[in-house]
Each structure stands twice: as structure tokens, then as C-alpha cells.
């Protein structure tokens, strides 16, 4: 009889702990996201840096999408990921972090 009550107590403690961790992580996710403050750099600034980094290649590439991603949390630095697409199907990702150092990566295209 003692093991029955002990196992129920352990199970209840485990359930409460898991539920508590879930609630705290959901709160932290929502509390740390600050959607009122625009990311730094702004989208026009990030696009300008990306186009400058591509240089003459902008004649064959056009911007397909842009996405602001936070590196750690919203109070931390933000980086922009801009996807450029060429008419021959080539994808190129340009990452513009808040530090200003632009990173250009070729991405594999889907097979057709």
C-alpha cells in the first residue's frame, strides 16, 4: 500500500513539474518578444546593405523574401535574412546582422 501512494505522489510531482516548466517557458517566450520596437537595422537599411554586398550581381538577382530573426531574444541583436533569386533558379541568402558584417551564402535550389 505504501508503494502505491508513493508512486502516485511521484507521478503527481512529475506532472506538476512538467506543467510548471511548460507554463514558465511559454511566459518567457511571450514576455521576451518585444514586437513594439522595430529591429535594428531596419528593413530598408538591411536591404541597402544586402544590395551593396551583391554589387553587380543585382542585375540578375531580385529579392524574394526578407525575414528578421532574433539571435537570442528580442532584447538581443537581430539579423535580417534576405533571399535573392536569379532567373536561372539560383538562390542566394544574404544575412545582415546588427553588427553590420554582411554574409552571403549560396543556397541549393530545388530540383526540377
PDB file of N, CA and C in Angstrom:
ATOM      1  N   UNK A   1       0.815  -1.193   0.000  1.00  0.00           N
ATOM      2  CA  UNK A   1       0.000   0.000   0.000  1.00  0.00           C
ATOM      3  C   UNK A   1       0.862   1.262   0.000  1.00  0.00           C
ATOM      4  N   UNK A   2       1.992   1.205   0.685  1.00  0.00           N
ATOM      5  CA  UNK A   2       2.872   2.376   0.756  1.00  0.00           C
ATOM      6  C   UNK A   2       3.438   2.695  -0.620  1.00  0.00           C
ATOM      7  N   UNK A   3       3.823   1.670  -1.387  1.00  0.00           N
ATOM      8  CA  UNK A   3       4.390   1.923  -2.717  1.00  0.00           C
ATOM      9  C   UNK A   3       3.350   2.521  -3.657  1.00  0.00           C
ATOM     10  N   UNK A   4       2.083   2.159  -3.492  1.00  0.00           N
ATOM     11  CA  UNK A   4       1.023   2.713  -4.326  1.00  0.00           C
ATOM     12  C   UNK A   4       0.901   4.219  -4.104  1.00  0.00           C
ATOM     13  N   UNK A   5       0.894   4.646  -2.842  1.00  0.00           N
ATOM     14  CA  UNK A   5       0.792   6.076  -2.546  1.00  0.00           C
ATOM     15  C   UNK A   5       2.073   6.807  -2.935  1.00  0.00           C
ATOM     16  N   UNK A   6       3.201   6.179  -2.756  1.00  0.00           N
ATOM     17  CA  UNK A   6       4.468   6.809  -3.102  1.00  0.00           C
ATOM     18  C   UNK A   6       4.556   7.005  -4.619  1.00  0.00           C
ATOM     19  N   UNK A   7       4.133   6.019  -5.401  1.00  0.00           N
ATOM     20  CA  UNK A   7       4.211   6.146  -6.855  1.00  0.00           C
ATOM     21  C   UNK A   7       3.231   7.206  -7.357  1.00  0.00           C
ATOM     22  N   UNK A   8       2.069   7.324  -6.728  1.00  0.00           N
ATOM     23  CA  UNK A   8       1.123   8.382  -7.111  1.00  0.00           C
ATOM     24  C   UNK A   8       1.691   9.753  -6.774  1.00  0.00           C
ATOM     25  N   UNK A   9       2.388   9.831  -5.647  1.00  0.00           N
ATOM     26  CA  UNK A   9       2.986  11.096  -5.232  1.00  0.00           C
ATOM     27  C   UNK A   9       4.097  11.494  -6.208  1.00  0.00           C
ATOM     28  N   UNK A  10       4.908  10.539  -6.609  1.00  0.00           N
ATOM     29  CA  UNK A  10       5.980  10.814  -7.563  1.00  0.00           C
ATOM     30  C   UNK A  10       5.390  11.216  -8.916  1.00  0.00           C
ATOM     31  N   UNK A  11       4.364  10.532  -9.352  1.00  0.00           N
ATOM     32  CA  UNK A  11       3.726  10.857 -10.627  1.00  0.00           C
ATOM     33  C   UNK A  11       3.099  12.255 -10.580  1.00  0.00           C
ATOM     34  N   UNK A  12       2.438  12.575  -9.482  1.00  0.00           N
ATOM     35  CA  UNK A  12       1.822  13.904  -9.348  1.00  0.00           C
ATOM     36  C   UNK A  12       2.892  14.988  -9.331  1.00  0.00           C
ATOM     37  N   UNK A  13       3.999  14.734  -8.640  1.00  0.00           N
ATOM     38  CA  UNK A  13       5.097  15.710  -8.602  1.00  0.00           C
ATOM     39  C   UNK A  13       5.687  15.897  -9.995  1.00  0.00           C
ATOM     40  N   UNK A  14       5.848  14.823 -10.736  1.00  0.00           N
ATOM     41  CA  UNK A  14       6.395  14.905 -12.093  1.00  0.00           C
ATOM     42  C   UNK A  14       5.457  15.689 -13.008  1.00  0.00           C
ATOM     43  N   UNK A  15       4.179  15.447 -12.904  1.00  0.00           N
ATOM     44  CA  UNK A  15       3.199  16.147 -13.743  1.00  0.00           C
ATOM     45  C   UNK A  15       3.188  17.637 -13.422  1.00  0.00           C
ATOM     46  N   UNK A  16       3.212  17.972 -12.148  1.00  0.00           N
ATOM     47  CA  UNK A  16       3.218  19.382 -11.745  1.00  0.00           C
ATOM     48  C   UNK A  16       4.507  20.056 -12.204  1.00  0.00           C
ATOM     49  N   UNK A  17       5.621  19.365 -12.114  1.00  0.00           N
ATOM     50  CA  UNK A  17       6.897  19.930 -12.551  1.00  0.00           C
ATOM     51  C   UNK A  17       6.902  20.179 -14.053  1.00  0.00           C
ATOM     52  N   UNK A  18       6.457  19.213 -14.818  1.00  0.00           N
ATOM     53  CA  UNK A  18       6.408  19.373 -16.272  1.00  0.00           C
ATOM     54  C   UNK A  18       5.453  20.497 -16.655  1.00  0.00           C
ATOM     55  N   UNK A  19       4.309  20.556 -16.024  1.00  0.00           N
ATOM     56  CA  UNK A  19       3.352  21.615 -16.295  1.00  0.00           C
ATOM     57  C   UNK A  19       3.936  22.981 -15.931  1.00  0.00           C
ATOM     58  N   UNK A  20       4.630  23.061 -14.808  1.00  0.00           N
ATOM     59  CA  UNK A  20       5.253  24.318 -14.400  1.00  0.00           C
ATOM     60  C   UNK A  20       6.324  24.777 -15.371  1.00  0.00           C
ATOM     61  N   UNK A  21       7.151  23.856 -15.839  1.00  0.00           N
ATOM     62  CA  UNK A  21       8.187  24.205 -16.808  1.00  0.00           C
ATOM     63  C   UNK A  21       7.555  24.674 -18.114  1.00  0.00           C
ATOM     64  N   UNK A  22       6.491  24.029 -18.538  1.00  0.00           N
ATOM     65  CA  UNK A  22       5.803  24.430 -19.762  1.00  0.00           C
ATOM     66  C   UNK A  22       5.234  25.844 -19.634  1.00  0.00           C
ATOM     67  N   UNK A  23       4.586  26.124 -18.524  1.00  0.00           N
ATOM     68  CA  UNK A  23       3.985  27.453 -18.316  1.00  0.00           C
ATOM     69  C   UNK A  23       5.067  28.523 -18.244  1.00  0.00           C
ATOM     70  N   UNK A  24       6.170  28.235 -17.544  1.00  0.00           N
ATOM     71  CA  UNK A  24       7.254  29.224 -17.442  1.00  0.00           C
ATOM     72  C   UNK A  24       7.910  29.480 -18.790  1.00  0.00           C
ATOM     73  N   UNK A  25       8.105  28.445 -19.600  1.00  0.00           N
ATOM     74  CA  UNK A  25       8.728  28.659 -20.904  1.00  0.00           C
ATOM     75  C   UNK A  25       7.793  29.423 -21.837  1.00  0.00           C
ATOM     76  N   UNK A  26       6.500  29.153 -21.770  1.00  0.00           N
ATOM     77  CA  UNK A  26       5.547  29.904 -22.584  1.00  0.00           C
ATOM     78  C   UNK A  26       5.518  31.370 -22.165  1.00  0.00           C
ATOM     79  N   UNK A  27       5.563  31.629 -20.880  1.00  0.00           N
ATOM     80  CA  UNK A  27       5.595  33.008 -20.391  1.00  0.00           C
ATOM     81  C   UNK A  27       6.884  33.706 -20.839  1.00  0.00           C
ATOM     82  N   UNK A  28       8.015  33.019 -20.704  1.00  0.00           N
ATOM     83  CA  UNK A  28       9.292  33.621 -21.090  1.00  0.00           C
ATOM     84  C   UNK A  28       9.313  33.926 -22.585  1.00  0.00           C
ATOM     85  N   UNK A  29       8.768  33.039 -23.393  1.00  0.00           N
ATOM     86  CA  UNK A  29       8.728  33.268 -24.833  1.00  0.00           C
ATOM     87  C   UNK A  29       7.907  34.505 -25.164  1.00  0.00           C
ATOM     88  N   UNK A  30       6.754  34.651 -24.547  1.00  0.00           N
ATOM     89  CA  UNK A  30       5.896  35.802 -24.830  1.00  0.00           C
ATOM     90  C   UNK A  30       6.415  37.082 -24.197  1.00  0.00           C
ATOM     91  N   UNK A  31       7.019  36.996 -23.025  1.00  0.00           N
ATOM     92  CA  UNK A  31       7.492  38.194 -22.340  1.00  0.00           C
ATOM     93  C   UNK A  31       8.749  38.759 -22.987  1.00  0.00           C
ATOM     94  N   UNK A  32       9.590  37.909 -23.533  1.00  0.00           N
ATOM     95  CA  UNK A  32      10.845  38.381 -24.111  1.00  0.00           C
ATOM     96  C   UNK A  32      10.692  38.922 -25.524  1.00  0.00           C
ATOM     97  N   UNK A  33       9.597  38.592 -26.181  1.00  0.00           N
ATOM     98  CA  UNK A  33       9.380  39.094 -27.532  1.00  0.00           C
ATOM     99  C   UNK A  33       8.803  40.494 -27.463  1.00  0.00           C
ATOM    100  N   UNK A  34       9.551  41.440 -27.947  1.00  0.00           N
ATOM    101  CA  UNK A  34       9.097  42.825 -27.955  1.00  0.00           C
ATOM    102  C   UNK A  34       8.765  43.196 -29.398  1.00  0.00           C
ATOM    103  N   UNK A  35       7.496  43.135 -29.743  1.00  0.00           N
ATOM    104  CA  UNK A  35       7.100  43.418 -31.116  1.00  0.00           C
ATOM    105  C   UNK A  35       6.842  44.900 -31.360  1.00  0.00           C
ATOM    106  N   UNK A  36       6.891  45.713 -30.325  1.00  0.00           N
ATOM    107  CA  UNK A  36       6.640  47.146 -30.482  1.00  0.00           C
ATOM    108  C   UNK A  36       7.868  47.886 -31.003  1.00  0.00           C
ATOM    109  N   UNK A  37       9.048  47.355 -30.711  1.00  0.00           N
ATOM    110  CA  UNK A  37      10.293  48.006 -31.105  1.00  0.00           C
ATOM    111  C   UNK A  37      10.775  47.419 -32.427  1.00  0.00           C
ATOM    112  N   UNK A  38      11.030  48.246 -33.455  1.00  0.00           N
ATOM    113  CA  UNK A  38      11.492  47.703 -34.734  1.00  0.00           C
ATOM    114  C   UNK A  38      12.917  47.161 -34.604  1.00  0.00           C
ATOM    115  N   UNK A  39      13.246  46.163 -35.404  1.00  0.00           N
ATOM    116  CA  UNK A  39      14.594  45.608 -35.325  1.00  0.00           C
ATOM    117  C   UNK A  39      15.630  46.599 -35.841  1.00  0.00           C
ATOM    118  N   UNK A  40      16.836  46.428 -35.371  1.00  0.00           N
ATOM    119  CA  UNK A  40      17.945  47.268 -35.824  1.00  0.00           C
ATOM    120  C   UNK A  40      18.939  46.370 -36.534  1.00  0.00           C
ATOM    121  N   UNK A  41      19.269  46.584 -37.755  1.00  0.00           N
ATOM    122  CA  UNK A  41      18.863  47.666 -38.643  1.00  0.00           C
ATOM    123  C   UNK A  41      17.439  47.456 -39.152  1.00  0.00           C
ATOM    124  N   UNK A  42      16.867  48.507 -39.678  1.00  0.00           N
ATOM    125  CA  UNK A  42      15.514  48.398 -40.238  1.00  0.00           C
ATOM    126  C   UNK A  42      15.590  47.659 -41.576  1.00  0.00           C
ATOM    127  N   UNK A  43      14.444  47.266 -42.091  1.00  0.00           N
ATOM    128  CA  UNK A  43      14.417  46.537 -43.360  1.00  0.00           C
ATOM    129  C   UNK A  43      15.028  47.337 -44.507  1.00  0.00           C
ATOM    130  N   UNK A  44      14.689  48.626 -44.692  1.00  0.00           N
ATOM    131  CA  UNK A  44      15.333  49.364 -45.799  1.00  0.00           C
ATOM    132  C   UNK A  44      16.856  49.438 -45.649  1.00  0.00           C
ATOM    133  N   UNK A  45      17.347  49.596 -44.420  1.00  0.00           N
ATOM    134  CA  UNK A  45      18.789  49.628 -44.199  1.00  0.00           C
ATOM    135  C   UNK A  45      19.422  48.268 -44.509  1.00  0.00           C
ATOM    136  N   UNK A  46      18.768  47.192 -44.084  1.00  0.00           N
ATOM    137  CA  UNK A  46      19.291  45.851 -44.345  1.00  0.00           C
ATOM    138  C   UNK A  46      19.283  45.552 -45.844  1.00  0.00           C
ATOM    139  N   UNK A  47      18.220  45.951 -46.531  1.00  0.00           N
ATOM    140  CA  UNK A  47      18.139  45.729 -47.975  1.00  0.00           C
ATOM    141  C   UNK A  47      19.242  46.497 -48.697  1.00  0.00           C
ATOM    142  N   UNK A  48      19.478  47.720 -48.272  1.00  0.00           N
ATOM    143  CA  UNK A  48      20.533  48.527 -48.898  1.00  0.00           C
ATOM    144  C   UNK A  48      21.897  47.877 -48.708  1.00  0.00           C
ATOM    145  N   UNK A  49      22.173  47.367 -47.505  1.00  0.00           N
ATOM    146  CA  UNK A  49      23.448  46.690 -47.261  1.00  0.00           C
ATOM    147  C   UNK A  49      23.565  45.405 -48.076  1.00  0.00           C
ATOM    148  N   UNK A  50      22.459  44.689 -48.221  1.00  0.00           N
ATOM    149  CA  UNK A  50      22.480  43.448 -48.997  1.00  0.00           C
ATOM    150  C   UNK A  50      22.736  43.735 -50.468  1.00  0.00           C
ATOM    151  N   UNK A  51      22.095  44.756 -51.006  1.00  0.00           N
ATOM    152  CA  UNK A  51      22.287  45.117 -52.415  1.00  0.00           C
ATOM    153  C   UNK A  51      23.715  45.597 -52.640  1.00  0.00           C
ATOM    154  N   UNK A  52      24.249  46.371 -51.695  1.00  0.00           N
ATOM    155  CA  UNK A  52      25.645  46.806 -51.800  1.00  0.00           C
ATOM    156  C   UNK A  52      26.596  45.615 -51.784  1.00  0.00           C
ATOM    157  N   UNK A  53      26.291  44.618 -50.955  1.00  0.00           N
ATOM    158  CA  UNK A  53      27.153  43.438 -50.866  1.00  0.00           C
ATOM    159  C   UNK A  53      27.087  42.603 -52.139  1.00  0.00           C
ATOM    160  N   UNK A  54      25.913  42.530 -52.774  1.00  0.00           N
ATOM    161  CA  UNK A  54      25.787  41.772 -54.026  1.00  0.00           C
ATOM    162  C   UNK A  54      26.455  42.485 -55.196  1.00  0.00           C
ATOM    163  N   UNK A  55      26.492  43.790 -55.146  1.00  0.00           N
ATOM    164  CA  UNK A  55      27.164  44.564 -56.190  1.00  0.00           C
ATOM    165  C   UNK A  55      26.513  44.405 -57.549  1.00  0.00           C
ATOM    166  N   UNK A  56      27.328  44.067 -58.562  1.00  0.00           N
ATOM    167  CA  UNK A  56      26.838  43.950 -59.933  1.00  0.00           C
ATOM    168  C   UNK A  56      25.912  42.752 -60.110  1.00  0.00           C
ATOM    169  N   UNK A  57      25.892  41.826 -59.181  1.00  0.00           N
ATOM    170  CA  UNK A  57      25.025  40.650 -59.280  1.00  0.00           C
ATOM    171  C   UNK A  57      23.550  41.018 -59.122  1.00  0.00           C
ATOM    172  N   UNK A  58      23.274  42.220 -58.673  1.00  0.00           N
ATOM    173  CA  UNK A  58      21.876  42.635 -58.527  1.00  0.00           C
ATOM    174  C   UNK A  58      21.190  42.767 -59.883  1.00  0.00           C
ATOM    175  N   UNK A  59      21.976  42.768 -60.977  1.00  0.00           N
ATOM    176  CA  UNK A  59      21.369  42.809 -62.309  1.00  0.00           C
ATOM    177  C   UNK A  59      20.641  41.509 -62.622  1.00  0.00           C
ATOM    178  N   UNK A  60      21.066  40.403 -62.011  1.00  0.00           N
ATOM    179  CA  UNK A  60      20.421  39.116 -62.295  1.00  0.00           C
ATOM    180  C   UNK A  60      19.648  38.563 -61.106  1.00  0.00           C
ATOM    181  N   UNK A  61      19.788  39.146 -59.932  1.00  0.00           N
ATOM    182  CA  UNK A  61      19.085  38.672 -58.737  1.00  0.00           C
ATOM    183  C   UNK A  61      18.016  39.674 -58.320  1.00  0.00           C
ATOM    184  N   UNK A  62      16.917  39.157 -57.799  1.00  0.00           N
ATOM    185  CA  UNK A  62      15.910  40.026 -57.197  1.00  0.00           C
ATOM    186  C   UNK A  62      15.530  39.446 -55.834  1.00  0.00           C
ATOM    187  N   UNK A  63      15.102  40.311 -54.940  1.00  0.00           N
ATOM    188  CA  UNK A  63      14.787  39.903 -53.566  1.00  0.00           C
ATOM    189  C   UNK A  63      13.453  39.160 -53.547  1.00  0.00           C
ATOM    190  N   UNK A  64      13.498  37.956 -53.032  1.00  0.00           N
ATOM    191  CA  UNK A  64      12.306  37.114 -52.979  1.00  0.00           C
ATOM    192  C   UNK A  64      11.623  37.205 -51.618  1.00  0.00           C
ATOM    193  N   UNK A  65      12.430  37.267 -50.545  1.00  0.00           N
ATOM    194  CA  UNK A  65      11.843  37.359 -49.208  1.00  0.00           C
ATOM    195  C   UNK A  65      12.844  37.970 -48.240  1.00  0.00           C
ATOM    196  N   UNK A  66      12.312  38.490 -47.147  1.00  0.00           N
ATOM    197  CA  UNK A  66      13.132  39.050 -46.077  1.00  0.00           C
ATOM    198  C   UNK A  66      12.501  38.667 -44.752  1.00  0.00           C
ATOM    199  N   UNK A  67      13.340  38.270 -43.807  1.00  0.00           N
ATOM    200  CA  UNK A  67      12.844  37.803 -42.518  1.00  0.00           C
ATOM    201  C   UNK A  67      13.782  38.280 -41.419  1.00  0.00           C
ATOM    202  N   UNK A  68      13.231  38.927 -40.400  1.00  0.00           N
ATOM    203  CA  UNK A  68      14.032  39.367 -39.260  1.00  0.00           C
ATOM    204  C   UNK A  68      14.042  38.257 -38.228  1.00  0.00           C
ATOM    205  N   UNK A  69      15.217  37.859 -37.816  1.00  0.00           N
ATOM    206  CA  UNK A  69      15.346  36.801 -36.820  1.00  0.00           C
ATOM    207  C   UNK A  69      16.182  37.305 -35.667  1.00  0.00           C
ATOM    208  N   UNK A  70      15.741  36.968 -34.496  1.00  0.00           N
ATOM    209  CA  UNK A  70      16.460  37.352 -33.298  1.00  0.00           C
ATOM    210  C   UNK A  70      17.478  36.275 -32.982  1.00  0.00           C
ATOM    211  N   UNK A  71      18.684  36.678 -32.624  1.00  0.00           N
ATOM    212  CA  UNK A  71      19.748  35.720 -32.368  1.00  0.00           C
ATOM    213  C   UNK A  71      19.516  34.989 -31.053  1.00  0.00           C
ATOM    214  N   UNK A  72      19.210  35.700 -29.980  1.00  0.00           N
ATOM    215  CA  UNK A  72      18.973  35.029 -28.698  1.00  0.00           C
ATOM    216  C   UNK A  72      17.581  35.335 -28.174  1.00  0.00           C
ATOM    217  N   UNK A  73      17.282  36.587 -27.976  1.00  0.00           N
ATOM    218  CA  UNK A  73      15.945  37.027 -27.585  1.00  0.00           C
ATOM    219  C   UNK A  73      15.734  38.407 -28.199  1.00  0.00           C
ATOM    220  N   UNK A  74      14.575  38.951 -28.014  1.00  0.00           N
ATOM    221  CA  UNK A  74      14.283  40.218 -28.679  1.00  0.00           C
ATOM    222  C   UNK A  74      15.115  41.373 -28.167  1.00  0.00           C
ATOM    223  N   UNK A  75      15.596  41.265 -26.945  1.00  0.00           N
ATOM    224  CA  UNK A  75      16.439  42.341 -26.446  1.00  0.00           C
ATOM    225  C   UNK A  75      17.850  42.214 -27.002  1.00  0.00           C
ATOM    226  N   UNK A  76      18.162  41.053 -27.561  1.00  0.00           N
ATOM    227  CA  UNK A  76      19.473  40.839 -28.161  1.00  0.00           C
ATOM    228  C   UNK A  76      19.496  41.330 -29.594  1.00  0.00           C
ATOM    229  N   UNK A  77      20.619  41.123 -30.271  1.00  0.00           N
ATOM    230  CA  UNK A  77      20.738  41.608 -31.645  1.00  0.00           C
ATOM    231  C   UNK A  77      19.831  40.851 -32.607  1.00  0.00           C
ATOM    232  N   UNK A  78      19.419  41.556 -33.640  1.00  0.00           N
ATOM    233  CA  UNK A  78      18.550  40.990 -34.668  1.00  0.00           C
ATOM    234  C   UNK A  78      19.334  40.916 -35.964  1.00  0.00           C
ATOM    235  N   UNK A  79      19.060  39.885 -36.760  1.00  0.00           N
ATOM    236  CA  UNK A  79      19.677  39.805 -38.076  1.00  0.00           C
ATOM    237  C   UNK A  79      18.598  39.578 -39.123  1.00  0.00           C
ATOM    238  N   UNK A  80      18.817  40.168 -40.275  1.00  0.00           N
ATOM    239  CA  UNK A  80      17.894  40.028 -41.399  1.00  0.00           C
ATOM    240  C   UNK A  80      18.423  38.948 -42.324  1.00  0.00           C
ATOM    241  N   UNK A  81      17.522  38.086 -42.781  1.00  0.00           N
ATOM    242  CA  UNK A  81      17.846  37.068 -43.780  1.00  0.00           C
ATOM    243  C   UNK A  81      17.064  37.429 -45.037  1.00  0.00           C
ATOM    244  N   UNK A  82      17.782  37.839 -46.065  1.00  0.00           N
ATOM    245  CA  UNK A  82      17.157  38.204 -47.332  1.00  0.00           C
ATOM    246  C   UNK A  82      17.503  37.132 -48.360  1.00  0.00           C
ATOM    247  N   UNK A  83      16.490  36.600 -49.011  1.00  0.00           N
ATOM    248  CA  UNK A  83      16.683  35.572 -50.026  1.00  0.00           C
ATOM    249  C   UNK A  83      16.560  36.234 -51.389  1.00  0.00           C
ATOM    250  N   UNK A  84      17.597  36.093 -52.197  1.00  0.00           N
ATOM    251  CA  UNK A  84      17.597  36.618 -53.555  1.00  0.00           C
ATOM    252  C   UNK A  84      17.514  35.446 -54.521  1.00  0.00           C
ATOM    253  N   UNK A  85      16.818  35.664 -55.617  1.00  0.00           N
ATOM    254  CA  UNK A  85      16.564  34.616 -56.600  1.00  0.00           C
ATOM    255  C   UNK A  85      16.981  35.123 -57.972  1.00  0.00           C
ATOM    256  N   UNK A  86      17.654  34.257 -58.728  1.00  0.00           N
ATOM    257  CA  UNK A  86      18.043  34.608 -60.093  1.00  0.00           C
ATOM    258  C   UNK A  86      17.115  33.902 -61.072  1.00  0.00           C
ATOM    259  N   UNK A  87      17.054  34.406 -62.275  1.00  0.00           N
ATOM    260  CA  UNK A  87      16.159  33.819 -63.271  1.00  0.00           C
ATOM    261  C   UNK A  87      16.580  32.410 -63.662  1.00  0.00           C
ATOM    262  N   UNK A  88      17.833  32.019 -63.414  1.00  0.00           N
ATOM    263  CA  UNK A  88      18.277  30.667 -63.723  1.00  0.00           C
ATOM    264  C   UNK A  88      17.996  29.693 -62.568  1.00  0.00           C
ATOM    265  N   UNK A  89      17.327  30.151 -61.530  1.00  0.00           N
ATOM    266  CA  UNK A  89      16.947  29.281 -60.414  1.00  0.00           C
ATOM    267  C   UNK A  89      17.915  29.293 -59.253  1.00  0.00           C
ATOM    268  N   UNK A  90      18.952  30.073 -59.328  1.00  0.00           N
ATOM    269  CA  UNK A  90      19.936  30.112 -58.248  1.00  0.00           C
ATOM    270  C   UNK A  90      19.407  30.955 -57.092  1.00  0.00           C
ATOM    271  N   UNK A  91      19.566  30.434 -55.875  1.00  0.00           N
ATOM    272  CA  UNK A  91      19.165  31.156 -54.668  1.00  0.00           C
ATOM    273  C   UNK A  91      20.406  31.628 -53.928  1.00  0.00           C
ATOM    274  N   UNK A  92      20.331  32.816 -53.402  1.00  0.00           N
ATOM    275  CA  UNK A  92      21.430  33.360 -52.617  1.00  0.00           C
ATOM    276  C   UNK A  92      20.825  34.013 -51.384  1.00  0.00           C
ATOM    277  N   UNK A  93      21.355  33.647 -50.222  1.00  0.00           N
ATOM    278  CA  UNK A  93      20.892  34.229 -48.960  1.00  0.00           C
ATOM    279  C   UNK A  93      21.904  35.266 -48.501  1.00  0.00           C
ATOM    280  N   UNK A  94      21.418  36.419 -48.140  1.00  0.00           N
ATOM    281  CA  UNK A  94      22.268  37.480 -47.606  1.00  0.00           C
ATOM    282  C   UNK A  94      21.814  37.737 -46.174  1.00  0.00           C
ATOM    283  N   UNK A  95      22.733  37.579 -45.240  1.00  0.00           N
ATOM    284  CA  UNK A  95      22.447  37.786 -43.824  1.00  0.00           C
ATOM    285  C   UNK A  95      23.046  39.122 -43.416  1.00  0.00           C
ATOM    286  N   UNK A  96      22.202  39.986 -42.870  1.00  0.00           N
ATOM    287  CA  UNK A  96      22.647  41.308 -42.416  1.00  0.00           C
ATOM    288  C   UNK A  96      22.400  41.390 -40.911  1.00  0.00           C
ATOM    289  N   UNK A  97      23.424  41.096 -40.090  1.00  0.00           N
ATOM    290  CA  UNK A  97      23.246  41.202 -38.644  1.00  0.00           C
ATOM    291  C   UNK A  97      23.368  42.649 -38.179  1.00  0.00           C
ATOM    292  N   UNK A  98      23.031  42.884 -36.942  1.00  0.00           N
ATOM    293  CA  UNK A  98      23.108  44.242 -36.410  1.00  0.00           C
ATOM    294  C   UNK A  98      24.554  44.713 -36.296  1.00  0.00           C
ATOM    295  N   UNK A  99      25.508  43.778 -36.296  1.00  0.00           N
ATOM    296  CA  UNK A  99      26.920  44.169 -36.235  1.00  0.00           C
ATOM    297  C   UNK A  99      27.378  44.825 -37.525  1.00  0.00           C
ATOM    298  N   UNK A 100      26.644  44.575 -38.637  1.00  0.00           N
ATOM    299  CA  UNK A 100      26.970  45.220 -39.894  1.00  0.00           C
ATOM    300  C   UNK A 100      27.764  44.358 -40.851  1.00  0.00           C
ATOM    301  N   UNK A 101      28.335  43.234 -40.409  1.00  0.00           N
ATOM    302  CA  UNK A 101      29.118  42.364 -41.287  1.00  0.00           C
ATOM    303  C   UNK A 101      28.156  41.496 -42.101  1.00  0.00           C
ATOM    304  N   UNK A 102      28.086  41.741 -43.397  1.00  0.00           N
ATOM    305  CA  UNK A 102      27.150  41.052 -44.278  1.00  0.00           C
ATOM    306  C   UNK A 102      27.735  39.699 -44.688  1.00  0.00           C
ATOM    307  N   UNK A 103      26.888  38.667 -44.641  1.00  0.00           N
ATOM    308  CA  UNK A 103      27.290  37.311 -45.007  1.00  0.00           C
ATOM    309  C   UNK A 103      26.455  36.896 -46.214  1.00  0.00           C
ATOM    310  N   UNK A 104      27.129  36.404 -47.251  1.00  0.00           N
ATOM    311  CA  UNK A 104      26.443  35.940 -48.456  1.00  0.00           C
ATOM    312  C   UNK A 104      26.632  34.430 -48.559  1.00  0.00           C
ATOM    313  N   UNK A 105      25.517  33.709 -48.715  1.00  0.00           N
ATOM    314  CA  UNK A 105      25.562  32.251 -48.834  1.00  0.00           C
ATOM    315  C   UNK A 105      24.765  31.820 -50.053  1.00  0.00           C
ATOM    316  N   UNK A 106      25.346  30.912 -50.835  1.00  0.00           N
ATOM    317  CA  UNK A 106      24.587  30.304 -51.924  1.00  0.00           C
ATOM    318  C   UNK A 106      23.745  29.188 -51.332  1.00  0.00           C
ATOM    319  N   UNK A 107      22.517  29.116 -51.767  1.00  0.00           N
ATOM    320  CA  UNK A 107      21.618  28.065 -51.287  1.00  0.00           C
ATOM    321  C   UNK A 107      21.316  27.123 -52.442  1.00  0.00           C
ATOM    322  N   UNK A 108      21.107  25.866 -52.098  1.00  0.00           N
ATOM    323  CA  UNK A 108      20.770  24.888 -53.122  1.00  0.00           C
ATOM    324  C   UNK A 108      19.354  25.117 -53.602  1.00  0.00           C
ATOM    325  N   UNK A 109      19.173  25.048 -54.877  1.00  0.00           N
ATOM    326  CA  UNK A 109      17.826  25.218 -55.419  1.00  0.00           C
ATOM    327  C   UNK A 109      17.120  23.866 -55.441  1.00  0.00           C
ATOM    328  N   UNK A 110      15.824  23.922 -55.520  1.00  0.00           N
ATOM    329  CA  UNK A 110      15.038  22.694 -55.640  1.00  0.00           C
ATOM    330  C   UNK A 110      15.284  22.092 -57.012  1.00  0.00           C
ATOM    331  N   UNK A 111      15.287  20.778 -57.059  1.00  0.00           N
ATOM    332  CA  UNK A 111      15.466  20.131 -58.364  1.00  0.00           C
ATOM    333  C   UNK A 111      14.160  20.208 -59.149  1.00  0.00           C
ATOM    334  N   UNK A 112      14.285  20.272 -60.444  1.00  0.00           N
ATOM    335  CA  UNK A 112      13.103  20.313 -61.294  1.00  0.00           C
ATOM    336  C   UNK A 112      13.278  19.456 -62.499  1.00  0.00           C
TER     337      UNK A 112
END
